[in-house]
Amino acid sequence: MFSALISVFIVSLISLIGVFTLAIKEEKLKKILLFFVSFSAGALLAGAFFHLIPEAVEEMGFGKKLSFSLIGGIVVFFVLEKFIRWRHCHIPTSENHPHPVSYMNLVGDAFHNFLDGTIIAAAYLVNPSLGLTTTLAVIFHEIPQEIGDFGVLLHGGFTKKRALFFNFLSALFAVLGCVVTFLMSNFVAGLSWLLVPFTAGGFIYIAGSDLIPELHRETSAKKSFFQLLALILGIILMFLLRFLE
C-alpha cells in the first residue's frame, strides 16, 4: 500500500506543473504539448494492450466478466466526460465570477483523479511491476492534461495561486481513491482483477476519444510525422517495461 500511496502522491504533484508553463512562449508550449499528447496516447494504448489486458486474461481468461469490465471502463470515462466535465455558462467571466466551467472542470478532475488512484491501487494489488507501469501511463497522460486544466482555471478567472491550489486539491482525490480501493479490497473478493480490465478500458477510451482526435487537428506533414514518432516512442517504452514484470 505504501508504494501505491507514493505513486499517487507523485501523480498528484504533477498538478503543479502548470506554473512552469507560464514562462514558456505559447508557440513553444504547443509544440511541447503536441509531443506529450502523442507520447501519452501511445503509452496509454500500450499500457492497456501490453500490460493490463494480458495480466487480466492470464488470471481471468478472456470471458464475459473481463469483457464487461473492459467495456465498463470505456463507458464510465465516457460518462465522466460527457455529463460531468462539459458545462457552459452565459455569464461573462471575471475575477469575482469565475466561469462555472472552471468549477465543473475541478469536479470532473476530482472524479477523474479518484479513478486514477483507484486504478493505480488495483494495479499494485496485482503486483508491484504492474503498479509501476500503470503509474507511468497515468503520469504521461496527466502532464498535458494538468497543463490544460491550469489554463482552464486561469481563463475562468482564477488567480495563479488559486488555480494551483485548487488544481492540487483536486489532484489529491487520487490519494483518496487509492485508500478506498485498498480498504474495499478487504471486503470485495477479486476487486483488483475486475479493476485491471476496467483500467484498460479507460486507457483505451482516453487515447482513442480524447488524445488521438486532438492530434488529427494538426495537418502539417512534418508535425504529423513527429506526432507519429512520439506515439511510437510511447508504445516502445511501455513494451520495454514488460521486461520488468
C-alpha atoms as a PDB file:
ATOM      1  CA  MET A   1       0.000   0.000   0.000  1.00  0.00           C
ATOM      2  CA  PHE A   2       2.890   2.359   0.798  1.00  0.00           C
ATOM      3  CA  SER A   3       4.282   2.118  -2.762  1.00  0.00           C
ATOM      4  CA  ALA A   4       0.838   2.835  -4.215  1.00  0.00           C
ATOM      5  CA  LEU A   5       0.408   5.894  -1.980  1.00  0.00           C
ATOM      6  CA  ILE A   6       3.819   7.214  -3.028  1.00  0.00           C
ATOM      7  CA  SER A   7       2.836   6.715  -6.686  1.00  0.00           C
ATOM      8  CA  VAL A   8      -0.491   8.541  -6.407  1.00  0.00           C
ATOM      9  CA  PHE A   9       1.116  11.379  -4.461  1.00  0.00           C
ATOM     10  CA  ILE A  10       3.692  11.813  -7.238  1.00  0.00           C
ATOM     11  CA  VAL A  11       0.840  11.824  -9.761  1.00  0.00           C
ATOM     12  CA  SER A  12      -0.910  14.484  -7.642  1.00  0.00           C
ATOM     13  CA  LEU A  13       2.211  16.685  -7.649  1.00  0.00           C
ATOM     14  CA  ILE A  14       2.000  16.871 -11.448  1.00  0.00           C
ATOM     15  CA  SER A  15      -0.973  19.215 -10.959  1.00  0.00           C
ATOM     16  CA  LEU A  16       1.595  21.895 -10.024  1.00  0.00           C
ATOM     17  CA  ILE A  17       3.310  21.679 -13.426  1.00  0.00           C
ATOM     18  CA  GLY A  18       1.110  24.448 -14.782  1.00  0.00           C
ATOM     19  CA  VAL A  19       3.160  27.118 -13.029  1.00  0.00           C
ATOM     20  CA  PHE A  20       6.265  26.180 -15.038  1.00  0.00           C
ATOM     21  CA  THR A  21       4.433  26.708 -18.329  1.00  0.00           C
ATOM     22  CA  LEU A  22       3.864  30.403 -17.621  1.00  0.00           C
ATOM     23  CA  ALA A  23       7.441  31.227 -18.598  1.00  0.00           C
ATOM     24  CA  ILE A  24       7.202  29.317 -21.889  1.00  0.00           C
ATOM     25  CA  LYS A  25       6.080  31.076 -25.023  1.00  0.00           C
ATOM     26  CA  GLU A  26       2.711  29.907 -26.307  1.00  0.00           C
ATOM     27  CA  GLU A  27       4.045  28.581 -29.619  1.00  0.00           C
ATOM     28  CA  LYS A  28       6.780  26.565 -27.922  1.00  0.00           C
ATOM     29  CA  LEU A  29       4.297  25.262 -25.332  1.00  0.00           C
ATOM     30  CA  LYS A  30       2.026  23.980 -28.110  1.00  0.00           C
ATOM     31  CA  LYS A  31       4.927  22.030 -29.597  1.00  0.00           C
ATOM     32  CA  ILE A  32       5.778  20.515 -26.211  1.00  0.00           C
ATOM     33  CA  LEU A  33       2.152  19.587 -25.573  1.00  0.00           C
ATOM     34  CA  LEU A  34       1.883  18.104 -29.055  1.00  0.00           C
ATOM     35  CA  PHE A  35       4.747  15.752 -28.208  1.00  0.00           C
ATOM     36  CA  PHE A  36       3.324  14.793 -24.808  1.00  0.00           C
ATOM     37  CA  VAL A  37      -0.191  14.198 -26.143  1.00  0.00           C
ATOM     38  CA  SER A  38       1.197  11.910 -28.857  1.00  0.00           C
ATOM     39  CA  PHE A  39       3.537  10.134 -26.444  1.00  0.00           C
ATOM     40  CA  SER A  40       0.726   9.787 -23.914  1.00  0.00           C
ATOM     41  CA  ALA A  41      -1.622   8.237 -26.482  1.00  0.00           C
ATOM     42  CA  GLY A  42       0.973   5.605 -27.325  1.00  0.00           C
ATOM     43  CA  ALA A  43       1.760   4.926 -23.673  1.00  0.00           C
ATOM     44  CA  LEU A  44      -1.893   4.510 -22.698  1.00  0.00           C
ATOM     45  CA  LEU A  45      -2.682   2.156 -25.589  1.00  0.00           C
ATOM     46  CA  ALA A  46       0.457   0.117 -24.966  1.00  0.00           C
ATOM     47  CA  GLY A  47      -0.237   0.053 -21.232  1.00  0.00           C
ATOM     48  CA  ALA A  48      -3.679  -1.393 -21.939  1.00  0.00           C
ATOM     49  CA  PHE A  49      -2.633  -3.943 -24.575  1.00  0.00           C
ATOM     50  CA  PHE A  50       0.839  -4.947 -23.334  1.00  0.00           C
ATOM     51  CA  HIS A  51       0.280  -4.919 -19.582  1.00  0.00           C
ATOM     52  CA  LEU A  52      -3.254  -4.669 -18.245  1.00  0.00           C
ATOM     53  CA  ILE A  53      -5.253  -6.869 -20.627  1.00  0.00           C
ATOM     54  CA  PRO A  54      -2.663  -9.714 -20.786  1.00  0.00           C
ATOM     55  CA  GLU A  55      -2.394  -9.675 -16.989  1.00  0.00           C
ATOM     56  CA  ALA A  56      -6.187  -9.869 -16.629  1.00  0.00           C
ATOM     57  CA  VAL A  57      -6.539 -12.575 -19.293  1.00  0.00           C
ATOM     58  CA  GLU A  58      -3.883 -14.678 -17.567  1.00  0.00           C
ATOM     59  CA  GLU A  59      -5.843 -14.566 -14.319  1.00  0.00           C
ATOM     60  CA  MET A  60      -9.472 -14.451 -15.517  1.00  0.00           C
ATOM     61  CA  GLY A  61      -9.419 -15.785 -19.065  1.00  0.00           C
ATOM     62  CA  PHE A  62     -10.994 -13.778 -21.878  1.00  0.00           C
ATOM     63  CA  GLY A  63     -14.580 -14.324 -20.791  1.00  0.00           C
ATOM     64  CA  LYS A  64     -17.710 -12.270 -20.180  1.00  0.00           C
ATOM     65  CA  LYS A  65     -16.501 -10.915 -16.847  1.00  0.00           C
ATOM     66  CA  LEU A  66     -13.378  -9.428 -18.384  1.00  0.00           C
ATOM     67  CA  SER A  67     -15.303  -8.104 -21.406  1.00  0.00           C
ATOM     68  CA  PHE A  68     -17.923  -6.372 -19.244  1.00  0.00           C
ATOM     69  CA  SER A  69     -15.214  -4.823 -17.067  1.00  0.00           C
ATOM     70  CA  LEU A  70     -13.302  -3.619 -20.138  1.00  0.00           C
ATOM     71  CA  ILE A  71     -16.407  -2.056 -21.685  1.00  0.00           C
ATOM     72  CA  GLY A  72     -17.358  -0.681 -18.263  1.00  0.00           C
ATOM     73  CA  GLY A  73     -14.123   1.310 -18.171  1.00  0.00           C
ATOM     74  CA  ILE A  74     -14.911   2.830 -21.562  1.00  0.00           C
ATOM     75  CA  VAL A  75     -18.487   3.709 -20.558  1.00  0.00           C
ATOM     76  CA  VAL A  76     -17.540   5.215 -17.184  1.00  0.00           C
ATOM     77  CA  PHE A  77     -14.912   7.502 -18.740  1.00  0.00           C
ATOM     78  CA  PHE A  78     -17.411   8.490 -21.426  1.00  0.00           C
ATOM     79  CA  VAL A  79     -19.985   9.404 -18.754  1.00  0.00           C
ATOM     80  CA  LEU A  80     -17.344  11.258 -16.760  1.00  0.00           C
ATOM     81  CA  GLU A  81     -16.505  13.496 -19.708  1.00  0.00           C
ATOM     82  CA  LYS A  82     -19.938  13.776 -21.267  1.00  0.00           C
ATOM     83  CA  PHE A  83     -22.010  14.593 -18.215  1.00  0.00           C
ATOM     84  CA  ILE A  84     -19.643  15.888 -15.546  1.00  0.00           C
ATOM     85  CA  ARG A  85     -16.912  17.949 -17.203  1.00  0.00           C
ATOM     86  CA  TRP A  86     -18.721  19.707 -20.037  1.00  0.00           C
ATOM     87  CA  ARG A  87     -20.922  22.565 -18.804  1.00  0.00           C
ATOM     88  CA  HIS A  88     -21.498  26.051 -20.182  1.00  0.00           C
ATOM     89  CA  CYS A  89     -22.472  29.394 -18.708  1.00  0.00           C
ATOM     90  CA  HIS A  90     -23.551  32.607 -20.443  1.00  0.00           C
ATOM     91  CA  ILE A  91     -22.423  34.928 -17.644  1.00  0.00           C
ATOM     92  CA  PRO A  92     -19.233  36.822 -18.594  1.00  0.00           C
ATOM     93  CA  THR A  93     -16.029  35.714 -16.892  1.00  0.00           C
ATOM     94  CA  SER A  94     -14.461  37.993 -14.290  1.00  0.00           C
ATOM     95  CA  GLU A  95     -12.211  37.712 -11.232  1.00  0.00           C
ATOM     96  CA  ASN A  96     -15.245  37.942  -8.950  1.00  0.00           C
ATOM     97  CA  HIS A  97     -17.208  35.471 -11.032  1.00  0.00           C
ATOM     98  CA  PRO A  98     -15.043  32.607 -12.267  1.00  0.00           C
ATOM     99  CA  HIS A  99     -16.702  30.787 -15.128  1.00  0.00           C
ATOM    100  CA  PRO A 100     -18.695  27.774 -13.827  1.00  0.00           C
ATOM    101  CA  VAL A 101     -16.890  25.591 -16.363  1.00  0.00           C
ATOM    102  CA  SER A 102     -13.824  26.092 -14.157  1.00  0.00           C
ATOM    103  CA  TYR A 103     -15.627  24.657 -11.158  1.00  0.00           C
ATOM    104  CA  MET A 104     -17.075  21.841 -13.257  1.00  0.00           C
ATOM    105  CA  ASN A 105     -13.560  21.185 -14.538  1.00  0.00           C
ATOM    106  CA  LEU A 106     -12.401  20.821 -10.928  1.00  0.00           C
ATOM    107  CA  VAL A 107     -15.304  18.497 -10.083  1.00  0.00           C
ATOM    108  CA  GLY A 108     -14.656  16.398 -13.173  1.00  0.00           C
ATOM    109  CA  ASP A 109     -10.948  16.272 -12.393  1.00  0.00           C
ATOM    110  CA  ALA A 110     -11.660  15.202  -8.824  1.00  0.00           C
ATOM    111  CA  PHE A 111     -13.663  12.222 -10.127  1.00  0.00           C
ATOM    112  CA  HIS A 112     -11.011  11.517 -12.727  1.00  0.00           C
ATOM    113  CA  ASN A 113      -8.192  11.693 -10.185  1.00  0.00           C
ATOM    114  CA  PHE A 114     -10.152   9.475  -7.782  1.00  0.00           C
ATOM    115  CA  LEU A 115     -10.322   6.886 -10.557  1.00  0.00           C
ATOM    116  CA  ASP A 116      -6.590   7.336 -11.216  1.00  0.00           C
ATOM    117  CA  GLY A 117      -5.905   6.489  -7.577  1.00  0.00           C
ATOM    118  CA  THR A 118      -8.254   3.532  -7.804  1.00  0.00           C
ATOM    119  CA  ILE A 119      -6.629   2.023 -10.887  1.00  0.00           C
ATOM    120  CA  ILE A 120      -3.096   2.560  -9.584  1.00  0.00           C
ATOM    121  CA  ALA A 121      -4.017   0.876  -6.294  1.00  0.00           C
ATOM    122  CA  ALA A 122      -5.682  -2.016  -8.147  1.00  0.00           C
ATOM    123  CA  ALA A 123      -2.567  -2.491 -10.273  1.00  0.00           C
ATOM    124  CA  TYR A 124      -0.345  -2.594  -7.173  1.00  0.00           C
ATOM    125  CA  LEU A 125      -2.690  -5.138  -5.600  1.00  0.00           C
ATOM    126  CA  VAL A 126      -1.987  -7.419  -8.565  1.00  0.00           C
ATOM    127  CA  ASN A 127       1.788  -6.912  -8.493  1.00  0.00           C
ATOM    128  CA  PRO A 128       4.250  -4.038  -7.938  1.00  0.00           C
ATOM    129  CA  SER A 129       5.599  -4.003 -11.509  1.00  0.00           C
ATOM    130  CA  LEU A 130       2.083  -3.614 -12.948  1.00  0.00           C
ATOM    131  CA  GLY A 131       1.534  -0.816 -10.433  1.00  0.00           C
ATOM    132  CA  LEU A 132       4.673   0.928 -11.683  1.00  0.00           C
ATOM    133  CA  THR A 133       3.789   0.678 -15.378  1.00  0.00           C
ATOM    134  CA  THR A 134       0.225   1.838 -14.697  1.00  0.00           C
ATOM    135  CA  THR A 135       1.560   4.791 -12.712  1.00  0.00           C
ATOM    136  CA  LEU A 136       3.861   5.777 -15.585  1.00  0.00           C
ATOM    137  CA  ALA A 137       0.998   5.590 -18.097  1.00  0.00           C
ATOM    138  CA  VAL A 138      -1.107   7.820 -15.833  1.00  0.00           C
ATOM    139  CA  ILE A 139       1.777  10.284 -15.386  1.00  0.00           C
ATOM    140  CA  PHE A 140       2.349  10.613 -19.137  1.00  0.00           C
ATOM    141  CA  HIS A 141      -1.347  11.391 -19.567  1.00  0.00           C
ATOM    142  CA  GLU A 142      -1.518  13.772 -16.607  1.00  0.00           C
ATOM    143  CA  ILE A 143       1.259  16.100 -17.827  1.00  0.00           C
ATOM    144  CA  PRO A 144      -0.600  17.583 -20.821  1.00  0.00           C
ATOM    145  CA  GLN A 145      -3.955  17.289 -19.029  1.00  0.00           C
ATOM    146  CA  GLU A 146      -2.844  19.240 -15.953  1.00  0.00           C
ATOM    147  CA  ILE A 147      -1.296  21.967 -18.101  1.00  0.00           C
ATOM    148  CA  GLY A 148      -4.628  22.245 -19.908  1.00  0.00           C
ATOM    149  CA  ASP A 149      -6.609  22.249 -16.654  1.00  0.00           C
ATOM    150  CA  PHE A 150      -4.415  25.009 -15.236  1.00  0.00           C
ATOM    151  CA  GLY A 151      -5.116  27.065 -18.359  1.00  0.00           C
ATOM    152  CA  VAL A 152      -8.873  26.489 -17.996  1.00  0.00           C
ATOM    153  CA  LEU A 153      -8.810  27.778 -14.417  1.00  0.00           C
ATOM    154  CA  LEU A 154      -6.843  30.882 -15.401  1.00  0.00           C
ATOM    155  CA  HIS A 155      -9.250  31.518 -18.259  1.00  0.00           C
ATOM    156  CA  GLY A 156     -12.137  31.084 -15.829  1.00  0.00           C
ATOM    157  CA  GLY A 157     -10.928  33.995 -13.678  1.00  0.00           C
ATOM    158  CA  PHE A 158      -8.804  32.230 -11.068  1.00  0.00           C
ATOM    159  CA  THR A 159      -5.566  33.847  -9.936  1.00  0.00           C
ATOM    160  CA  LYS A 160      -2.403  31.796 -10.493  1.00  0.00           C
ATOM    161  CA  LYS A 161      -2.156  30.895  -6.796  1.00  0.00           C
ATOM    162  CA  ARG A 162      -5.821  29.859  -6.550  1.00  0.00           C
ATOM    163  CA  ALA A 163      -5.574  27.868  -9.771  1.00  0.00           C
ATOM    164  CA  LEU A 164      -2.560  25.943  -8.466  1.00  0.00           C
ATOM    165  CA  PHE A 165      -4.137  25.378  -5.058  1.00  0.00           C
ATOM    166  CA  PHE A 166      -7.482  24.106  -6.323  1.00  0.00           C
ATOM    167  CA  ASN A 167      -5.865  22.034  -9.067  1.00  0.00           C
ATOM    168  CA  PHE A 168      -3.651  20.345  -6.470  1.00  0.00           C
ATOM    169  CA  LEU A 169      -6.627  19.872  -4.137  1.00  0.00           C
ATOM    170  CA  SER A 170      -8.474  18.147  -6.965  1.00  0.00           C
ATOM    171  CA  ALA A 171      -5.401  16.004  -7.700  1.00  0.00           C
ATOM    172  CA  LEU A 172      -5.295  14.748  -4.095  1.00  0.00           C
ATOM    173  CA  PHE A 173      -8.510  12.822  -4.746  1.00  0.00           C
ATOM    174  CA  ALA A 174      -6.169  10.243  -6.295  1.00  0.00           C
ATOM    175  CA  VAL A 175      -4.857   9.525  -2.790  1.00  0.00           C
ATOM    176  CA  LEU A 176      -8.439   9.070  -1.573  1.00  0.00           C
ATOM    177  CA  GLY A 177      -9.169   6.704  -4.463  1.00  0.00           C
ATOM    178  CA  CYS A 178      -6.082   4.680  -3.596  1.00  0.00           C
ATOM    179  CA  VAL A 179      -7.018   4.352   0.085  1.00  0.00           C
ATOM    180  CA  VAL A 180     -10.652   3.463  -0.662  1.00  0.00           C
ATOM    181  CA  THR A 181      -9.570   0.760  -3.114  1.00  0.00           C
ATOM    182  CA  PHE A 182      -7.224  -0.870  -0.610  1.00  0.00           C
ATOM    183  CA  LEU A 183      -9.948  -0.811   2.047  1.00  0.00           C
ATOM    184  CA  MET A 184     -12.589  -2.183  -0.338  1.00  0.00           C
ATOM    185  CA  SER A 185     -10.264  -4.978  -1.468  1.00  0.00           C
ATOM    186  CA  ASN A 186     -10.554  -6.442   2.041  1.00  0.00           C
ATOM    187  CA  PHE A 187     -14.315  -6.844   1.614  1.00  0.00           C
ATOM    188  CA  VAL A 188     -14.827  -7.414  -2.133  1.00  0.00           C
ATOM    189  CA  ALA A 189     -13.200 -10.590  -3.406  1.00  0.00           C
ATOM    190  CA  GLY A 190     -11.408 -10.236  -6.722  1.00  0.00           C
ATOM    191  CA  LEU A 191     -11.887  -6.449  -6.831  1.00  0.00           C
ATOM    192  CA  SER A 192      -8.397  -5.790  -8.179  1.00  0.00           C
ATOM    193  CA  TRP A 193      -8.865  -8.224 -11.059  1.00  0.00           C
ATOM    194  CA  LEU A 194     -12.128  -6.536 -12.079  1.00  0.00           C
ATOM    195  CA  LEU A 195     -10.444  -3.127 -11.967  1.00  0.00           C
ATOM    196  CA  VAL A 196      -7.496  -4.147 -14.153  1.00  0.00           C
ATOM    197  CA  PRO A 197      -9.551  -4.580 -17.390  1.00  0.00           C
ATOM    198  CA  PHE A 198     -11.670  -1.595 -16.281  1.00  0.00           C
ATOM    199  CA  THR A 199      -8.463   0.438 -16.259  1.00  0.00           C
ATOM    200  CA  ALA A 200      -7.543  -0.866 -19.704  1.00  0.00           C
ATOM    201  CA  GLY A 201     -10.937   0.283 -20.990  1.00  0.00           C
ATOM    202  CA  GLY A 202     -10.361   3.718 -19.502  1.00  0.00           C
ATOM    203  CA  PHE A 203      -6.918   3.966 -21.096  1.00  0.00           C
ATOM    204  CA  ILE A 204      -8.290   2.928 -24.494  1.00  0.00           C
ATOM    205  CA  TYR A 205     -11.103   5.481 -24.224  1.00  0.00           C
ATOM    206  CA  ILE A 206      -8.794   8.351 -23.254  1.00  0.00           C
ATOM    207  CA  ALA A 207      -6.313   7.571 -26.036  1.00  0.00           C
ATOM    208  CA  GLY A 208      -8.917   6.920 -28.721  1.00  0.00           C
ATOM    209  CA  SER A 209     -11.537   9.529 -27.844  1.00  0.00           C
ATOM    210  CA  ASP A 210      -9.530  12.393 -26.347  1.00  0.00           C
ATOM    211  CA  LEU A 211      -5.913  12.293 -27.445  1.00  0.00           C
ATOM    212  CA  ILE A 212      -5.879  10.925 -30.991  1.00  0.00           C
ATOM    213  CA  PRO A 213      -8.704  13.236 -32.223  1.00  0.00           C
ATOM    214  CA  GLU A 214      -6.685  16.132 -30.800  1.00  0.00           C
ATOM    215  CA  LEU A 215      -3.720  15.024 -32.897  1.00  0.00           C
ATOM    216  CA  HIS A 216      -5.836  14.946 -36.063  1.00  0.00           C
ATOM    217  CA  ARG A 217      -6.286  18.715 -35.830  1.00  0.00           C
ATOM    218  CA  GLU A 218      -2.696  19.088 -36.983  1.00  0.00           C
ATOM    219  CA  THR A 219      -2.450  18.705 -40.767  1.00  0.00           C
ATOM    220  CA  SER A 220       1.192  19.665 -41.310  1.00  0.00           C
ATOM    221  CA  ALA A 221       3.101  16.679 -42.723  1.00  0.00           C
ATOM    222  CA  LYS A 222       6.223  17.492 -40.698  1.00  0.00           C
ATOM    223  CA  LYS A 223       4.382  17.888 -37.396  1.00  0.00           C
ATOM    224  CA  SER A 224       2.260  14.821 -38.122  1.00  0.00           C
ATOM    225  CA  PHE A 225       5.462  12.812 -38.600  1.00  0.00           C
ATOM    226  CA  PHE A 226       6.737  13.896 -35.181  1.00  0.00           C
ATOM    227  CA  GLN A 227       3.336  13.024 -33.718  1.00  0.00           C
ATOM    228  CA  LEU A 228       3.666   9.520 -35.126  1.00  0.00           C
ATOM    229  CA  LEU A 229       7.236   9.280 -33.840  1.00  0.00           C
ATOM    230  CA  ALA A 230       6.183  10.324 -30.335  1.00  0.00           C
ATOM    231  CA  LEU A 231       3.259   7.882 -30.436  1.00  0.00           C
ATOM    232  CA  ILE A 232       5.596   5.026 -31.368  1.00  0.00           C
ATOM    233  CA  LEU A 233       8.090   6.041 -28.679  1.00  0.00           C
ATOM    234  CA  GLY A 234       5.326   5.842 -26.083  1.00  0.00           C
ATOM    235  CA  ILE A 235       4.429   2.360 -27.299  1.00  0.00           C
ATOM    236  CA  ILE A 236       8.066   1.204 -27.330  1.00  0.00           C
ATOM    237  CA  LEU A 237       8.702   2.482 -23.798  1.00  0.00           C
ATOM    238  CA  MET A 238       5.682   0.643 -22.387  1.00  0.00           C
ATOM    239  CA  PHE A 239       6.656  -2.500 -24.300  1.00  0.00           C
ATOM    240  CA  LEU A 240      10.176  -2.412 -22.854  1.00  0.00           C
ATOM    241  CA  LEU A 241       8.709  -2.096 -19.365  1.00  0.00           C
ATOM    242  CA  ARG A 242       7.239  -5.584 -19.841  1.00  0.00           C
ATOM    243  CA  PHE A 243      10.698  -6.918 -19.078  1.00  0.00           C
ATOM    244  CA  LEU A 244      10.350  -5.543 -15.518  1.00  0.00           C
ATOM    245  CA  GLU A 245       7.426  -7.870 -14.881  1.00  0.00           C
END
